[in-house]
């Protein structure tokens, strides 16, 4: 049985690209492409929750005056998805591939 005590962990839950992401300082995460150059600092203002110094800060829905700062590390394409359309008995076949553009972000600071 594995027991993890998360009370000492400093983390935040932010909303970016329509998804909610659990982030920690020094952690990388991947999201849909953000149109800036790699190496620039960004500020995530849609912060839903912050747990820092054993204090839990909740937003309704977002925390005001709290930001999570990060740095854009790189842009890349995700894995290829195959889209295949077919109509039986009609000789209709279409095969198409899609690769989503992604951005890798490094979290520098969780603000409180």
PDB file of N, CA and C in Angstrom:
ATOM      1  N   UNK A   1       0.844  -1.172   0.000  1.00  0.00           N
ATOM      2  CA  UNK A   1       0.000   0.000   0.000  1.00  0.00           C
ATOM      3  C   UNK A   1       0.889   1.234   0.000  1.00  0.00           C
ATOM      4  N   UNK A   2       0.610   2.177  -0.909  1.00  0.00           N
ATOM      5  CA  UNK A   2       1.389   3.395  -1.039  1.00  0.00           C
ATOM      6  C   UNK A   2       0.588   4.557  -0.484  1.00  0.00           C
ATOM      7  N   UNK A   3       1.165   5.259   0.482  1.00  0.00           N
ATOM      8  CA  UNK A   3       0.513   6.410   1.099  1.00  0.00           C
ATOM      9  C   UNK A   3       1.360   7.638   0.787  1.00  0.00           C
ATOM     10  N   UNK A   4       0.751   8.647   0.193  1.00  0.00           N
ATOM     11  CA  UNK A   4       1.457   9.869  -0.148  1.00  0.00           C
ATOM     12  C   UNK A   4       0.851  11.018   0.637  1.00  0.00           C
ATOM     13  N   UNK A   5       1.698  11.716   1.377  1.00  0.00           N
ATOM     14  CA  UNK A   5       1.251  12.875   2.137  1.00  0.00           C
ATOM     15  C   UNK A   5       1.501  14.111   1.286  1.00  0.00           C
ATOM     16  N   UNK A   6       0.433  14.760   0.821  1.00  0.00           N
ATOM     17  CA  UNK A   6       0.598  15.913  -0.052  1.00  0.00           C
ATOM     18  C   UNK A   6       0.500  17.221   0.713  1.00  0.00           C
ATOM     19  N   UNK A   7       0.477  17.177   2.042  1.00  0.00           N
ATOM     20  CA  UNK A   7       0.337  18.417   2.794  1.00  0.00           C
ATOM     21  C   UNK A   7       1.599  19.266   2.721  1.00  0.00           C
ATOM     22  N   UNK A   8       2.767  18.664   2.538  1.00  0.00           N
ATOM     23  CA  UNK A   8       4.006  19.425   2.473  1.00  0.00           C
ATOM     24  C   UNK A   8       4.315  19.906   1.068  1.00  0.00           C
ATOM     25  N   UNK A   9       3.575  19.414   0.077  1.00  0.00           N
ATOM     26  CA  UNK A   9       3.837  19.771  -1.305  1.00  0.00           C
ATOM     27  C   UNK A   9       3.274  21.154  -1.615  1.00  0.00           C
ATOM     28  N   UNK A  10       3.996  21.893  -2.429  1.00  0.00           N
ATOM     29  CA  UNK A  10       3.512  23.174  -2.911  1.00  0.00           C
ATOM     30  C   UNK A  10       3.068  22.983  -4.350  1.00  0.00           C
ATOM     31  N   UNK A  11       1.792  23.180  -4.603  1.00  0.00           N
ATOM     32  CA  UNK A  11       1.254  22.957  -5.935  1.00  0.00           C
ATOM     33  C   UNK A  11       0.129  23.936  -6.206  1.00  0.00           C
ATOM     34  N   UNK A  12      -0.253  23.997  -7.467  1.00  0.00           N
ATOM     35  CA  UNK A  12      -1.367  24.842  -7.892  1.00  0.00           C
ATOM     36  C   UNK A  12      -2.123  24.117  -8.983  1.00  0.00           C
ATOM     37  N   UNK A  13      -3.376  24.466  -9.140  1.00  0.00           N
ATOM     38  CA  UNK A  13      -4.184  23.975 -10.255  1.00  0.00           C
ATOM     39  C   UNK A  13      -4.558  25.193 -11.083  1.00  0.00           C
ATOM     40  N   UNK A  14      -4.105  25.194 -12.347  1.00  0.00           N
ATOM     41  CA  UNK A  14      -4.348  26.320 -13.239  1.00  0.00           C
ATOM     42  C   UNK A  14      -5.142  25.839 -14.449  1.00  0.00           C
ATOM     43  N   UNK A  15      -5.827  26.791 -15.067  1.00  0.00           N
ATOM     44  CA  UNK A  15      -6.575  26.481 -16.286  1.00  0.00           C
ATOM     45  C   UNK A  15      -5.833  27.109 -17.457  1.00  0.00           C
ATOM     46  N   UNK A  16      -5.485  26.278 -18.430  1.00  0.00           N
ATOM     47  CA  UNK A  16      -4.792  26.767 -19.616  1.00  0.00           C
ATOM     48  C   UNK A  16      -5.227  25.926 -20.812  1.00  0.00           C
ATOM     49  N   UNK A  17      -5.588  26.585 -21.870  1.00  0.00           N
ATOM     50  CA  UNK A  17      -6.000  25.890 -23.083  1.00  0.00           C
ATOM     51  C   UNK A  17      -7.253  25.064 -22.910  1.00  0.00           C
ATOM     52  N   UNK A  18      -8.157  25.471 -22.014  1.00  0.00           N
ATOM     53  CA  UNK A  18      -9.397  24.739 -21.806  1.00  0.00           C
ATOM     54  C   UNK A  18      -9.267  23.519 -20.922  1.00  0.00           C
ATOM     55  N   UNK A  19      -8.081  23.266 -20.360  1.00  0.00           N
ATOM     56  CA  UNK A  19      -7.887  22.129 -19.463  1.00  0.00           C
ATOM     57  C   UNK A  19      -7.351  22.622 -18.126  1.00  0.00           C
ATOM     58  N   UNK A  20      -7.587  21.845 -17.091  1.00  0.00           N
ATOM     59  CA  UNK A  20      -7.063  22.148 -15.769  1.00  0.00           C
ATOM     60  C   UNK A  20      -5.842  21.275 -15.527  1.00  0.00           C
ATOM     61  N   UNK A  21      -4.747  21.911 -15.080  1.00  0.00           N
ATOM     62  CA  UNK A  21      -3.480  21.220 -14.940  1.00  0.00           C
ATOM     63  C   UNK A  21      -2.949  21.415 -13.525  1.00  0.00           C
ATOM     64  N   UNK A  22      -2.483  20.320 -12.914  1.00  0.00           N
ATOM     65  CA  UNK A  22      -1.831  20.350 -11.608  1.00  0.00           C
ATOM     66  C   UNK A  22      -0.365  20.651 -11.859  1.00  0.00           C
ATOM     67  N   UNK A  23       0.180  21.752 -11.282  1.00  0.00           N
ATOM     68  CA  UNK A  23       1.564  22.146 -11.532  1.00  0.00           C
ATOM     69  C   UNK A  23       2.308  22.335 -10.214  1.00  0.00           C
ATOM     70  N   UNK A  24       3.623  22.109 -10.284  1.00  0.00           N
ATOM     71  CA  UNK A  24       4.527  22.348  -9.167  1.00  0.00           C
ATOM     72  C   UNK A  24       5.708  23.153  -9.691  1.00  0.00           C
ATOM     73  N   UNK A  25       6.436  23.807  -8.796  1.00  0.00           N
ATOM     74  CA  UNK A  25       7.610  24.558  -9.214  1.00  0.00           C
ATOM     75  C   UNK A  25       8.673  23.599  -9.730  1.00  0.00           C
ATOM     76  N   UNK A  26       9.288  23.958 -10.845  1.00  0.00           N
ATOM     77  CA  UNK A  26      10.317  23.125 -11.451  1.00  0.00           C
ATOM     78  C   UNK A  26       9.781  21.994 -12.310  1.00  0.00           C
ATOM     79  N   UNK A  27       8.479  21.921 -12.493  1.00  0.00           N
ATOM     80  CA  UNK A  27       7.855  20.847 -13.259  1.00  0.00           C
ATOM     81  C   UNK A  27       7.547  21.331 -14.680  1.00  0.00           C
ATOM     82  N   UNK A  28       7.680  20.429 -15.643  1.00  0.00           N
ATOM     83  CA  UNK A  28       7.304  20.691 -17.023  1.00  0.00           C
ATOM     84  C   UNK A  28       5.891  20.164 -17.258  1.00  0.00           C
ATOM     85  N   UNK A  29       5.139  20.841 -18.131  1.00  0.00           N
ATOM     86  CA  UNK A  29       3.887  20.268 -18.599  1.00  0.00           C
ATOM     87  C   UNK A  29       3.649  20.704 -20.030  1.00  0.00           C
ATOM     88  N   UNK A  30       2.795  19.958 -20.716  1.00  0.00           N
ATOM     89  CA  UNK A  30       2.547  20.152 -22.144  1.00  0.00           C
ATOM     90  C   UNK A  30       1.102  20.587 -22.330  1.00  0.00           C
ATOM     91  N   UNK A  31       0.910  21.590 -23.186  1.00  0.00           N
ATOM     92  CA  UNK A  31      -0.421  22.086 -23.475  1.00  0.00           C
ATOM     93  C   UNK A  31      -0.519  22.401 -24.969  1.00  0.00           C
ATOM     94  N   UNK A  32      -1.683  22.823 -25.417  1.00  0.00           N
ATOM     95  CA  UNK A  32      -1.828  23.234 -26.810  1.00  0.00           C
ATOM     96  C   UNK A  32      -0.929  24.430 -27.087  1.00  0.00           C
ATOM     97  N   UNK A  33      -0.629  24.654 -28.348  1.00  0.00           N
ATOM     98  CA  UNK A  33       0.363  25.661 -28.718  1.00  0.00           C
ATOM     99  C   UNK A  33      -0.031  27.059 -28.260  1.00  0.00           C
ATOM    100  N   UNK A  34       0.966  27.759 -27.677  1.00  0.00           N
ATOM    101  CA  UNK A  34       0.842  29.157 -27.297  1.00  0.00           C
ATOM    102  C   UNK A  34       1.720  29.938 -28.268  1.00  0.00           C
ATOM    103  N   UNK A  35       1.173  30.956 -28.905  1.00  0.00           N
ATOM    104  CA  UNK A  35       1.871  31.647 -29.986  1.00  0.00           C
ATOM    105  C   UNK A  35       2.869  32.680 -29.467  1.00  0.00           C
ATOM    106  N   UNK A  36       3.932  32.221 -28.825  1.00  0.00           N
ATOM    107  CA  UNK A  36       5.052  33.079 -28.450  1.00  0.00           C
ATOM    108  C   UNK A  36       6.327  32.306 -28.722  1.00  0.00           C
ATOM    109  N   UNK A  37       7.441  32.997 -28.671  1.00  0.00           N
ATOM    110  CA  UNK A  37       8.710  32.352 -28.978  1.00  0.00           C
ATOM    111  C   UNK A  37       9.228  31.609 -27.746  1.00  0.00           C
ATOM    112  N   UNK A  38       9.970  30.519 -27.942  1.00  0.00           N
ATOM    113  CA  UNK A  38      10.563  29.811 -26.801  1.00  0.00           C
ATOM    114  C   UNK A  38      11.551  30.704 -26.057  1.00  0.00           C
ATOM    115  N   UNK A  39      11.564  30.564 -24.739  1.00  0.00           N
ATOM    116  CA  UNK A  39      12.431  31.373 -23.897  1.00  0.00           C
ATOM    117  C   UNK A  39      11.725  32.543 -23.246  1.00  0.00           C
ATOM    118  N   UNK A  40      10.499  32.849 -23.675  1.00  0.00           N
ATOM    119  CA  UNK A  40       9.776  33.963 -23.071  1.00  0.00           C
ATOM    120  C   UNK A  40       9.067  33.509 -21.804  1.00  0.00           C
ATOM    121  N   UNK A  41       8.927  34.429 -20.868  1.00  0.00           N
ATOM    122  CA  UNK A  41       8.221  34.148 -19.624  1.00  0.00           C
ATOM    123  C   UNK A  41       6.743  34.452 -19.806  1.00  0.00           C
ATOM    124  N   UNK A  42       5.900  33.603 -19.239  1.00  0.00           N
ATOM    125  CA  UNK A  42       4.457  33.821 -19.306  1.00  0.00           C
ATOM    126  C   UNK A  42       3.900  33.812 -17.894  1.00  0.00           C
ATOM    127  N   UNK A  43       2.756  34.430 -17.733  1.00  0.00           N
ATOM    128  CA  UNK A  43       2.078  34.494 -16.451  1.00  0.00           C
ATOM    129  C   UNK A  43       0.691  33.885 -16.615  1.00  0.00           C
ATOM    130  N   UNK A  44       0.404  32.866 -15.833  1.00  0.00           N
ATOM    131  CA  UNK A  44      -0.894  32.196 -15.884  1.00  0.00           C
ATOM    132  C   UNK A  44      -1.768  32.790 -14.784  1.00  0.00           C
ATOM    133  N   UNK A  45      -2.823  33.485 -15.177  1.00  0.00           N
ATOM    134  CA  UNK A  45      -3.650  34.185 -14.195  1.00  0.00           C
ATOM    135  C   UNK A  45      -4.911  33.417 -13.813  1.00  0.00           C
ATOM    136  N   UNK A  46      -5.256  32.376 -14.552  1.00  0.00           N
ATOM    137  CA  UNK A  46      -6.445  31.588 -14.224  1.00  0.00           C
ATOM    138  C   UNK A  46      -6.066  30.485 -13.239  1.00  0.00           C
ATOM    139  N   UNK A  47      -5.865  30.880 -11.997  1.00  0.00           N
ATOM    140  CA  UNK A  47      -5.443  29.967 -10.938  1.00  0.00           C
ATOM    141  C   UNK A  47      -6.678  29.558 -10.148  1.00  0.00           C
ATOM    142  N   UNK A  48      -6.924  28.262 -10.075  1.00  0.00           N
ATOM    143  CA  UNK A  48      -8.103  27.751  -9.378  1.00  0.00           C
ATOM    144  C   UNK A  48      -7.812  27.433  -7.919  1.00  0.00           C
ATOM    145  N   UNK A  49      -6.590  26.954  -7.638  1.00  0.00           N
ATOM    146  CA  UNK A  49      -6.255  26.499  -6.295  1.00  0.00           C
ATOM    147  C   UNK A  49      -4.752  26.617  -6.094  1.00  0.00           C
ATOM    148  N   UNK A  50      -4.346  27.022  -4.892  1.00  0.00           N
ATOM    149  CA  UNK A  50      -2.931  27.038  -4.521  1.00  0.00           C
ATOM    150  C   UNK A  50      -2.796  26.413  -3.145  1.00  0.00           C
ATOM    151  N   UNK A  51      -1.863  25.456  -3.015  1.00  0.00           N
ATOM    152  CA  UNK A  51      -1.513  24.881  -1.718  1.00  0.00           C
ATOM    153  C   UNK A  51      -0.046  25.207  -1.476  1.00  0.00           C
ATOM    154  N   UNK A  52       0.208  26.133  -0.547  1.00  0.00           N
ATOM    155  CA  UNK A  52       1.571  26.563  -0.264  1.00  0.00           C
ATOM    156  C   UNK A  52       1.692  26.815   1.226  1.00  0.00           C
ATOM    157  N   UNK A  53       2.756  26.294   1.814  1.00  0.00           N
ATOM    158  CA  UNK A  53       3.011  26.430   3.256  1.00  0.00           C
ATOM    159  C   UNK A  53       1.847  25.905   4.094  1.00  0.00           C
ATOM    160  N   UNK A  54       1.284  24.771   3.686  1.00  0.00           N
ATOM    161  CA  UNK A  54       0.147  24.134   4.357  1.00  0.00           C
ATOM    162  C   UNK A  54      -1.082  25.032   4.448  1.00  0.00           C
ATOM    163  N   UNK A  55      -1.191  25.998   3.535  1.00  0.00           N
ATOM    164  CA  UNK A  55      -2.383  26.836   3.447  1.00  0.00           C
ATOM    165  C   UNK A  55      -3.031  26.584   2.099  1.00  0.00           C
ATOM    166  N   UNK A  56      -4.302  26.284   2.108  1.00  0.00           N
ATOM    167  CA  UNK A  56      -5.042  25.989   0.893  1.00  0.00           C
ATOM    168  C   UNK A  56      -5.857  27.216   0.514  1.00  0.00           C
ATOM    169  N   UNK A  57      -5.578  27.774  -0.671  1.00  0.00           N
ATOM    170  CA  UNK A  57      -6.293  28.939  -1.171  1.00  0.00           C
ATOM    171  C   UNK A  57      -7.168  28.484  -2.334  1.00  0.00           C
ATOM    172  N   UNK A  58      -8.483  28.676  -2.198  1.00  0.00           N
ATOM    173  CA  UNK A  58      -9.438  28.291  -3.233  1.00  0.00           C
ATOM    174  C   UNK A  58     -10.025  29.524  -3.895  1.00  0.00           C
ATOM    175  N   UNK A  59     -10.269  29.426  -5.192  1.00  0.00           N
ATOM    176  CA  UNK A  59     -10.895  30.510  -5.916  1.00  0.00           C
ATOM    177  C   UNK A  59     -12.329  30.169  -6.253  1.00  0.00           C
ATOM    178  N   UNK A  60     -13.130  31.206  -6.450  1.00  0.00           N
ATOM    179  CA  UNK A  60     -14.538  31.000  -6.790  1.00  0.00           C
ATOM    180  C   UNK A  60     -14.870  31.782  -8.042  1.00  0.00           C
ATOM    181  N   UNK A  61     -14.591  31.405  -9.259  1.00  0.00           N
ATOM    182  CA  UNK A  61     -13.863  30.218  -9.671  1.00  0.00           C
ATOM    183  C   UNK A  61     -12.353  30.419  -9.697  1.00  0.00           C
ATOM    184  N   UNK A  62     -11.856  31.686  -9.797  1.00  0.00           N
ATOM    185  CA  UNK A  62     -10.424  31.914  -9.885  1.00  0.00           C
ATOM    186  C   UNK A  62      -9.952  32.739  -8.700  1.00  0.00           C
ATOM    187  N   UNK A  63      -8.667  32.579  -8.365  1.00  0.00           N
ATOM    188  CA  UNK A  63      -8.050  33.406  -7.333  1.00  0.00           C
ATOM    189  C   UNK A  63      -7.680  34.754  -7.942  1.00  0.00           C
ATOM    190  N   UNK A  64      -8.006  35.831  -7.228  1.00  0.00           N
ATOM    191  CA  UNK A  64      -7.620  37.157  -7.708  1.00  0.00           C
ATOM    192  C   UNK A  64      -6.254  37.504  -7.132  1.00  0.00           C
ATOM    193  N   UNK A  65      -5.469  38.233  -7.884  1.00  0.00           N
ATOM    194  CA  UNK A  65      -4.121  38.680  -7.487  1.00  0.00           C
ATOM    195  C   UNK A  65      -3.147  37.538  -7.251  1.00  0.00           C
ATOM    196  N   UNK A  66      -3.409  36.376  -7.792  1.00  0.00           N
ATOM    197  CA  UNK A  66      -2.477  35.249  -7.689  1.00  0.00           C
ATOM    198  C   UNK A  66      -2.104  34.818  -9.094  1.00  0.00           C
ATOM    199  N   UNK A  67      -0.810  34.594  -9.308  1.00  0.00           N
ATOM    200  CA  UNK A  67      -0.349  34.201 -10.626  1.00  0.00           C
ATOM    201  C   UNK A  67       0.671  33.080 -10.502  1.00  0.00           C
ATOM    202  N   UNK A  68       0.729  32.267 -11.531  1.00  0.00           N
ATOM    203  CA  UNK A  68       1.755  31.243 -11.656  1.00  0.00           C
ATOM    204  C   UNK A  68       2.600  31.643 -12.852  1.00  0.00           C
ATOM    205  N   UNK A  69       3.914  31.777 -12.645  1.00  0.00           N
ATOM    206  CA  UNK A  69       4.786  32.196 -13.733  1.00  0.00           C
ATOM    207  C   UNK A  69       5.554  31.003 -14.267  1.00  0.00           C
ATOM    208  N   UNK A  70       5.802  31.026 -15.547  1.00  0.00           N
ATOM    209  CA  UNK A  70       6.511  29.938 -16.194  1.00  0.00           C
ATOM    210  C   UNK A  70       7.288  30.432 -17.394  1.00  0.00           C
ATOM    211  N   UNK A  71       8.006  29.524 -18.012  1.00  0.00           N
ATOM    212  CA  UNK A  71       8.816  29.834 -19.184  1.00  0.00           C
ATOM    213  C   UNK A  71       8.506  28.835 -20.280  1.00  0.00           C
ATOM    214  N   UNK A  72       8.349  29.328 -21.497  1.00  0.00           N
ATOM    215  CA  UNK A  72       8.094  28.444 -22.631  1.00  0.00           C
ATOM    216  C   UNK A  72       9.418  27.829 -23.047  1.00  0.00           C
ATOM    217  N   UNK A  73       9.475  26.502 -23.029  1.00  0.00           N
ATOM    218  CA  UNK A  73      10.711  25.789 -23.323  1.00  0.00           C
ATOM    219  C   UNK A  73      10.820  25.486 -24.812  1.00  0.00           C
ATOM    220  N   UNK A  74       9.782  24.882 -25.395  1.00  0.00           N
ATOM    221  CA  UNK A  74       9.846  24.523 -26.812  1.00  0.00           C
ATOM    222  C   UNK A  74       8.456  24.317 -27.380  1.00  0.00           C
ATOM    223  N   UNK A  75       8.396  24.364 -28.708  1.00  0.00           N
ATOM    224  CA  UNK A  75       7.202  24.002 -29.457  1.00  0.00           C
ATOM    225  C   UNK A  75       7.509  22.713 -30.209  1.00  0.00           C
ATOM    226  N   UNK A  76       6.530  21.826 -30.279  1.00  0.00           N
ATOM    227  CA  UNK A  76       6.720  20.571 -31.009  1.00  0.00           C
ATOM    228  C   UNK A  76       5.370  20.061 -31.461  1.00  0.00           C
ATOM    229  N   UNK A  77       5.399  18.996 -32.252  1.00  0.00           N
ATOM    230  CA  UNK A  77       4.160  18.365 -32.696  1.00  0.00           C
ATOM    231  C   UNK A  77       3.937  17.089 -31.923  1.00  0.00           C
ATOM    232  N   UNK A  78       2.688  16.814 -31.592  1.00  0.00           N
ATOM    233  CA  UNK A  78       2.333  15.609 -30.858  1.00  0.00           C
ATOM    234  C   UNK A  78       2.369  14.381 -31.741  1.00  0.00           C
ATOM    235  N   UNK A  79       1.943  13.271 -31.184  1.00  0.00           N
ATOM    236  CA  UNK A  79       1.933  12.023 -31.948  1.00  0.00           C
ATOM    237  C   UNK A  79       0.879  12.086 -33.051  1.00  0.00           C
ATOM    238  N   UNK A  80       1.103  11.310 -34.088  1.00  0.00           N
ATOM    239  CA  UNK A  80       0.210  11.339 -35.241  1.00  0.00           C
ATOM    240  C   UNK A  80      -1.061  10.542 -34.965  1.00  0.00           C
ATOM    241  N   UNK A  81      -2.180  11.142 -35.292  1.00  0.00           N
ATOM    242  CA  UNK A  81      -3.477  10.475 -35.214  1.00  0.00           C
ATOM    243  C   UNK A  81      -3.948  10.196 -36.631  1.00  0.00           C
ATOM    244  N   UNK A  82      -4.484   9.026 -36.860  1.00  0.00           N
ATOM    245  CA  UNK A  82      -4.982   8.637 -38.173  1.00  0.00           C
ATOM    246  C   UNK A  82      -6.500   8.786 -38.183  1.00  0.00           C
ATOM    247  N   UNK A  83      -7.001   9.527 -39.166  1.00  0.00           N
ATOM    248  CA  UNK A  83      -8.439   9.692 -39.367  1.00  0.00           C
ATOM    249  C   UNK A  83      -8.791   8.915 -40.621  1.00  0.00           C
ATOM    250  N   UNK A  84      -9.650   7.909 -40.503  1.00  0.00           N
ATOM    251  CA  UNK A  84      -9.994   7.044 -41.620  1.00  0.00           C
ATOM    252  C   UNK A  84     -11.499   7.059 -41.818  1.00  0.00           C
ATOM    253  N   UNK A  85     -11.915   7.469 -43.011  1.00  0.00           N
ATOM    254  CA  UNK A  85     -13.335   7.483 -43.353  1.00  0.00           C
ATOM    255  C   UNK A  85     -13.588   6.396 -44.378  1.00  0.00           C
ATOM    256  N   UNK A  86     -14.734   5.730 -44.240  1.00  0.00           N
ATOM    257  CA  UNK A  86     -15.058   4.650 -45.158  1.00  0.00           C
ATOM    258  C   UNK A  86     -16.573   4.496 -45.255  1.00  0.00           C
ATOM    259  N   UNK A  87     -17.036   4.273 -46.487  1.00  0.00           N
ATOM    260  CA  UNK A  87     -18.433   3.928 -46.687  1.00  0.00           C
ATOM    261  C   UNK A  87     -18.457   2.551 -47.333  1.00  0.00           C
ATOM    262  N   UNK A  88     -19.126   1.636 -46.682  1.00  0.00           N
ATOM    263  CA  UNK A  88     -19.115   0.255 -47.165  1.00  0.00           C
ATOM    264  C   UNK A  88     -19.867   0.130 -48.491  1.00  0.00           C
ATOM    265  N   UNK A  89     -19.349  -0.723 -49.340  1.00  0.00           N
ATOM    266  CA  UNK A  89     -19.935  -1.064 -50.641  1.00  0.00           C
ATOM    267  C   UNK A  89     -19.994   0.109 -51.618  1.00  0.00           C
ATOM    268  N   UNK A  90     -19.304   1.215 -51.339  1.00  0.00           N
ATOM    269  CA  UNK A  90     -19.346   2.377 -52.227  1.00  0.00           C
ATOM    270  C   UNK A  90     -17.964   2.770 -52.747  1.00  0.00           C
ATOM    271  N   UNK A  91     -16.937   2.020 -52.383  1.00  0.00           N
ATOM    272  CA  UNK A  91     -15.551   2.297 -52.779  1.00  0.00           C
ATOM    273  C   UNK A  91     -15.098   3.702 -52.356  1.00  0.00           C
ATOM    274  N   UNK A  92     -15.529   4.109 -51.170  1.00  0.00           N
ATOM    275  CA  UNK A  92     -15.146   5.413 -50.633  1.00  0.00           C
ATOM    276  C   UNK A  92     -14.202   5.188 -49.464  1.00  0.00           C
ATOM    277  N   UNK A  93     -12.942   5.590 -49.613  1.00  0.00           N
ATOM    278  CA  UNK A  93     -11.941   5.436 -48.569  1.00  0.00           C
ATOM    279  C   UNK A  93     -11.125   6.725 -48.499  1.00  0.00           C
ATOM    280  N   UNK A  94     -10.967   7.285 -47.308  1.00  0.00           N
ATOM    281  CA  UNK A  94     -10.135   8.468 -47.106  1.00  0.00           C
ATOM    282  C   UNK A  94      -9.294   8.248 -45.860  1.00  0.00           C
ATOM    283  N   UNK A  95      -7.987   8.414 -46.010  1.00  0.00           N
ATOM    284  CA  UNK A  95      -7.080   8.272 -44.878  1.00  0.00           C
ATOM    285  C   UNK A  95      -6.312   9.581 -44.732  1.00  0.00           C
ATOM    286  N   UNK A  96      -6.368  10.139 -43.526  1.00  0.00           N
ATOM    287  CA  UNK A  96      -5.738  11.428 -43.283  1.00  0.00           C
ATOM    288  C   UNK A  96      -5.044  11.377 -41.925  1.00  0.00           C
ATOM    289  N   UNK A  97      -3.918  12.032 -41.800  1.00  0.00           N
ATOM    290  CA  UNK A  97      -3.194  12.094 -40.539  1.00  0.00           C
ATOM    291  C   UNK A  97      -3.244  13.490 -39.947  1.00  0.00           C
ATOM    292  N   UNK A  98      -3.105  13.581 -38.631  1.00  0.00           N
ATOM    293  CA  UNK A  98      -3.130  14.875 -37.944  1.00  0.00           C
ATOM    294  C   UNK A  98      -2.120  14.851 -36.807  1.00  0.00           C
ATOM    295  N   UNK A  99      -1.326  15.924 -36.701  1.00  0.00           N
ATOM    296  CA  UNK A  99      -0.400  16.099 -35.581  1.00  0.00           C
ATOM    297  C   UNK A  99      -0.678  17.449 -34.947  1.00  0.00           C
ATOM    298  N   UNK A 100      -1.051  17.449 -33.672  1.00  0.00           N
ATOM    299  CA  UNK A 100      -1.394  18.662 -32.948  1.00  0.00           C
ATOM    300  C   UNK A 100      -0.126  19.418 -32.559  1.00  0.00           C
ATOM    301  N   UNK A 101      -0.129  20.738 -32.719  1.00  0.00           N
ATOM    302  CA  UNK A 101       0.988  21.567 -32.275  1.00  0.00           C
ATOM    303  C   UNK A 101       0.905  21.744 -30.761  1.00  0.00           C
ATOM    304  N   UNK A 102       2.016  21.507 -30.075  1.00  0.00           N
ATOM    305  CA  UNK A 102       2.049  21.528 -28.614  1.00  0.00           C
ATOM    306  C   UNK A 102       3.135  22.484 -28.124  1.00  0.00           C
ATOM    307  N   UNK A 103       3.025  22.903 -26.851  1.00  0.00           N
ATOM    308  CA  UNK A 103       4.011  23.765 -26.212  1.00  0.00           C
ATOM    309  C   UNK A 103       4.394  23.153 -24.878  1.00  0.00           C
ATOM    310  N   UNK A 104       5.696  23.125 -24.597  1.00  0.00           N
ATOM    311  CA  UNK A 104       6.209  22.630 -23.321  1.00  0.00           C
ATOM    312  C   UNK A 104       6.555  23.822 -22.440  1.00  0.00           C
ATOM    313  N   UNK A 105       6.029  23.827 -21.208  1.00  0.00           N
ATOM    314  CA  UNK A 105       6.187  24.966 -20.299  1.00  0.00           C
ATOM    315  C   UNK A 105       6.853  24.488 -19.003  1.00  0.00           C
ATOM    316  N   UNK A 106       7.806  25.292 -18.511  1.00  0.00           N
ATOM    317  CA  UNK A 106       8.458  25.043 -17.230  1.00  0.00           C
ATOM    318  C   UNK A 106       7.892  26.032 -16.213  1.00  0.00           C
ATOM    319  N   UNK A 107       7.416  25.525 -15.072  1.00  0.00           N
ATOM    320  CA  UNK A 107       6.855  26.380 -14.030  1.00  0.00           C
ATOM    321  C   UNK A 107       7.990  26.894 -13.151  1.00  0.00           C
ATOM    322  N   UNK A 108       8.103  28.229 -13.037  1.00  0.00           N
ATOM    323  CA  UNK A 108       9.161  28.839 -12.236  1.00  0.00           C
ATOM    324  C   UNK A 108       8.701  29.188 -10.828  1.00  0.00           C
ATOM    325  N   UNK A 109       7.510  29.779 -10.699  1.00  0.00           N
ATOM    326  CA  UNK A 109       7.080  30.262  -9.400  1.00  0.00           C
ATOM    327  C   UNK A 109       5.584  30.167  -9.252  1.00  0.00           C
ATOM    328  N   UNK A 110       5.159  29.739  -8.090  1.00  0.00           N
ATOM    329  CA  UNK A 110       3.743  29.745  -7.729  1.00  0.00           C
ATOM    330  C   UNK A 110       3.560  30.854  -6.713  1.00  0.00           C
ATOM    331  N   UNK A 111       2.779  31.847  -7.068  1.00  0.00           N
ATOM    332  CA  UNK A 111       2.674  33.040  -6.227  1.00  0.00           C
ATOM    333  C   UNK A 111       1.598  32.955  -5.172  1.00  0.00           C
ATOM    334  N   UNK A 112       1.935  33.437  -3.986  1.00  0.00           N
ATOM    335  CA  UNK A 112       0.974  33.612  -2.899  1.00  0.00           C
ATOM    336  C   UNK A 112       1.303  34.925  -2.221  1.00  0.00           C
TER     337      UNK A 112
END
